[in-house]
Amino acid sequence: MAILTTQLYIIRHAVAEDASVDVTDHDRRLTKKGRKAFVRLVRMLEAAGMEIDLIATSPLTRTRETAEALSAALHNEPPIEVVDALAPGSNWQALVEWTVQRDASRVAWVGHAPCVGRLVGHTIGDGSAAIRMQKGAVASIRLDDGLGQTGELVWLATPDLAG
């Protein structure tokens, strides 16, 4: 029986504008500075070997824009799908099912804090812990027995790394 390896990237959206009277939380857009810092990080990570075939994103504007910046910065421009399970209050099991149905081995999930930190906890442990992820951070997790199994946190990168 072949071992199915999944490379999962869990990403917190890049820096976005603050909510205001004119801008709802759902409609917050990325700042120019936040987008530029995230794109620099993605290009650095791709040069170091990061490869993504499919991107799942929360339906909120700031995550969709982060997913679009991610896809555009990668040479293969992977497709993006909006996945409601990545909205605030992320549903781990629904994300696993969505990803397994896509039969992709290098997938990115773009979401929100604190949910993305909890998703990392689910993939590397029993889900009782979480990590704090900076805006625009990318966690690389290797799952040697496919999704739904305990994985290994390979690295966690923040936009500060790219300068």
Protein backbone atom coordinates (compact mmCIF):
# COMPACT_ATOMS: atom_id res chain seq x y z
CA MET A 1 0.00 0.00 0.00
CA ALA A 2 1.42 3.39 -1.02
CA ILE A 3 1.77 6.11 1.57
CA LEU A 4 -0.06 9.28 0.61
CA THR A 5 1.94 12.37 1.52
CA THR A 6 0.12 15.66 1.78
CA GLN A 7 1.94 18.97 2.00
CA LEU A 8 -0.39 21.43 3.69
CA TYR A 9 0.21 25.15 4.02
CA ILE A 10 -1.94 26.95 6.57
CA ILE A 11 -1.89 30.70 6.02
CA ARG A 12 -3.25 33.60 8.02
CA HIS A 13 -4.45 36.45 5.81
CA ALA A 14 -2.05 39.34 5.26
CA VAL A 15 -2.41 42.70 7.02
CA ALA A 16 -5.78 44.29 6.26
CA GLU A 17 -7.41 47.63 6.87
CA ASP A 18 -9.32 48.11 10.11
CA ALA A 19 -13.08 47.77 10.25
CA SER A 20 -14.86 51.12 10.37
CA VAL A 21 -18.24 52.74 9.89
CA ASP A 22 -17.69 52.48 6.12
CA VAL A 23 -16.01 49.06 6.02
CA THR A 24 -17.53 45.96 7.61
CA ASP A 25 -15.34 43.18 9.00
CA HIS A 26 -16.37 40.97 6.06
CA ASP A 27 -15.25 43.59 3.50
CA ARG A 28 -11.86 44.58 4.95
CA ARG A 29 -9.24 44.71 2.17
CA LEU A 30 -5.50 44.11 2.36
CA THR A 31 -3.31 47.13 2.84
CA LYS A 32 -0.72 47.82 0.14
CA LYS A 33 2.05 47.29 2.69
CA GLY A 34 0.49 44.02 3.90
CA ARG A 35 0.12 42.70 0.35
CA LYS A 36 3.71 43.62 -0.59
CA ALA A 37 5.17 41.99 2.53
CA PHE A 38 3.15 38.81 1.92
CA VAL A 39 4.17 38.60 -1.76
CA ARG A 40 7.86 39.01 -0.80
CA LEU A 41 7.48 36.13 1.67
CA VAL A 42 5.72 33.90 -0.90
CA ARG A 43 8.44 34.50 -3.49
CA MET A 44 11.13 33.70 -0.95
CA LEU A 45 9.34 30.50 0.10
CA GLU A 46 8.82 29.41 -3.50
CA ALA A 47 12.55 29.93 -4.17
CA ALA A 48 13.20 27.68 -1.15
CA GLY A 49 10.99 24.92 -2.57
CA MET A 50 7.39 25.66 -1.57
CA GLU A 51 4.97 24.30 -4.17
CA ILE A 52 1.17 24.64 -4.09
CA ASP A 53 -1.32 23.04 -6.47
CA LEU A 54 -4.60 24.27 -4.97
CA ILE A 55 -5.64 27.12 -2.69
CA ALA A 56 -8.71 27.14 -0.43
CA THR A 57 -9.81 30.45 1.06
CA SER A 58 -12.38 31.83 3.43
CA PRO A 59 -15.06 33.91 1.70
CA LEU A 60 -14.07 37.13 3.51
CA THR A 61 -12.42 39.80 1.36
CA ARG A 62 -9.04 39.89 3.14
CA THR A 63 -8.54 36.14 2.80
CA ARG A 64 -9.67 36.07 -0.82
CA GLU A 65 -7.20 38.87 -1.60
CA THR A 66 -4.44 36.98 0.26
CA ALA A 67 -5.23 33.84 -1.78
CA GLU A 68 -5.17 35.88 -5.00
CA ALA A 69 -1.79 37.41 -4.06
CA LEU A 70 -0.47 33.93 -3.22
CA SER A 71 -1.58 32.45 -6.54
CA ALA A 72 -0.28 35.40 -8.58
CA ALA A 73 3.12 35.29 -6.83
CA LEU A 74 3.64 31.59 -7.59
CA HIS A 75 4.94 30.55 -11.01
CA ASN A 76 2.22 27.92 -11.54
CA GLU A 77 -0.64 30.25 -10.43
CA PRO A 78 -2.67 27.54 -8.66
CA PRO A 79 -6.46 27.76 -8.75
CA ILE A 80 -8.40 29.21 -5.83
CA GLU A 81 -11.64 27.89 -4.36
CA VAL A 82 -13.75 29.71 -1.77
CA VAL A 83 -14.51 27.28 1.05
CA ASP A 84 -17.05 28.34 3.68
CA ALA A 85 -15.42 26.01 6.23
CA LEU A 86 -12.48 28.48 6.35
CA ALA A 87 -14.64 31.41 7.49
CA PRO A 88 -14.16 32.45 11.13
CA GLY A 89 -15.00 29.39 13.23
CA SER A 90 -13.23 27.03 10.78
CA ASN A 91 -14.54 23.48 10.58
CA TRP A 92 -11.59 21.05 10.64
CA GLN A 93 -13.52 18.01 9.46
CA ALA A 94 -15.19 19.88 6.57
CA LEU A 95 -11.76 21.15 5.45
CA VAL A 96 -10.30 17.67 5.52
CA GLU A 97 -13.25 16.31 3.50
CA TRP A 98 -13.01 19.18 0.98
CA THR A 99 -9.26 18.61 0.54
CA VAL A 100 -9.54 14.83 0.20
CA GLN A 101 -12.27 15.26 -2.46
CA ARG A 102 -9.89 17.44 -4.49
CA ASP A 103 -7.20 14.72 -4.46
CA ALA A 104 -4.46 17.35 -4.29
CA SER A 105 -1.18 16.68 -2.50
CA ARG A 106 0.06 20.30 -2.07
CA VAL A 107 -2.73 22.46 -0.69
CA ALA A 108 -2.95 25.88 0.99
CA TRP A 109 -5.73 26.88 3.39
CA VAL A 110 -6.07 30.67 3.84
CA GLY A 111 -8.02 31.72 6.91
CA HIS A 112 -8.28 33.83 10.05
CA ALA A 113 -6.87 33.91 13.57
CA PRO A 114 -7.38 32.26 15.93
CA CYS A 115 -8.78 29.52 13.67
CA VAL A 116 -5.60 29.03 11.62
CA GLY A 117 -3.60 28.44 14.80
CA ARG A 118 -6.14 25.84 15.88
CA LEU A 119 -5.98 24.20 12.43
CA VAL A 120 -2.22 23.86 12.88
CA GLY A 121 -2.90 22.27 16.27
CA HIS A 122 -5.28 19.75 14.68
CA THR A 123 -2.79 18.77 12.00
CA ILE A 124 0.21 18.29 14.30
CA GLY A 125 -1.51 17.01 17.44
CA ASP A 126 -4.80 16.20 19.03
CA GLY A 127 -6.24 19.67 18.46
CA SER A 128 -6.09 20.68 22.12
CA ALA A 129 -3.38 23.27 21.44
CA ALA A 130 -2.93 26.08 18.97
CA ILE A 131 -0.15 28.39 17.87
CA ARG A 132 -0.36 32.14 17.46
CA MET A 133 0.17 33.11 13.81
CA GLN A 134 1.17 36.60 12.72
CA LYS A 135 -0.78 38.17 9.83
CA GLY A 136 0.63 36.83 6.58
CA ALA A 137 2.30 33.84 8.29
CA VAL A 138 2.61 30.48 6.51
CA ALA A 139 2.87 27.13 8.33
CA SER A 140 4.20 24.15 6.36
CA ILE A 141 2.90 20.80 7.57
CA ARG A 142 3.83 17.41 6.16
CA LEU A 143 1.32 14.59 6.56
CA ASP A 144 2.85 11.27 5.55
CA ASP A 145 -0.37 9.30 5.92
CA GLY A 146 -2.68 11.88 4.36
CA LEU A 147 -5.07 14.36 5.90
CA GLY A 148 -6.76 13.42 9.11
CA GLN A 149 -3.54 11.96 10.50
CA THR A 150 -0.99 13.61 12.79
CA GLY A 151 1.53 15.60 10.81
CA GLU A 152 4.83 17.34 11.31
CA LEU A 153 5.27 21.11 11.46
CA VAL A 154 8.16 21.56 9.01
CA TRP A 155 8.45 25.32 9.32
CA LEU A 156 6.54 28.50 10.20
CA ALA A 157 7.44 31.65 8.27
CA THR A 158 6.34 35.24 8.80
CA PRO A 159 6.58 38.24 6.46
CA ASP A 160 9.40 39.60 8.68
CA LEU A 161 11.68 36.89 7.24
CA ALA A 162 11.47 38.40 3.78
CA GLY A 163 12.42 41.86 5.02
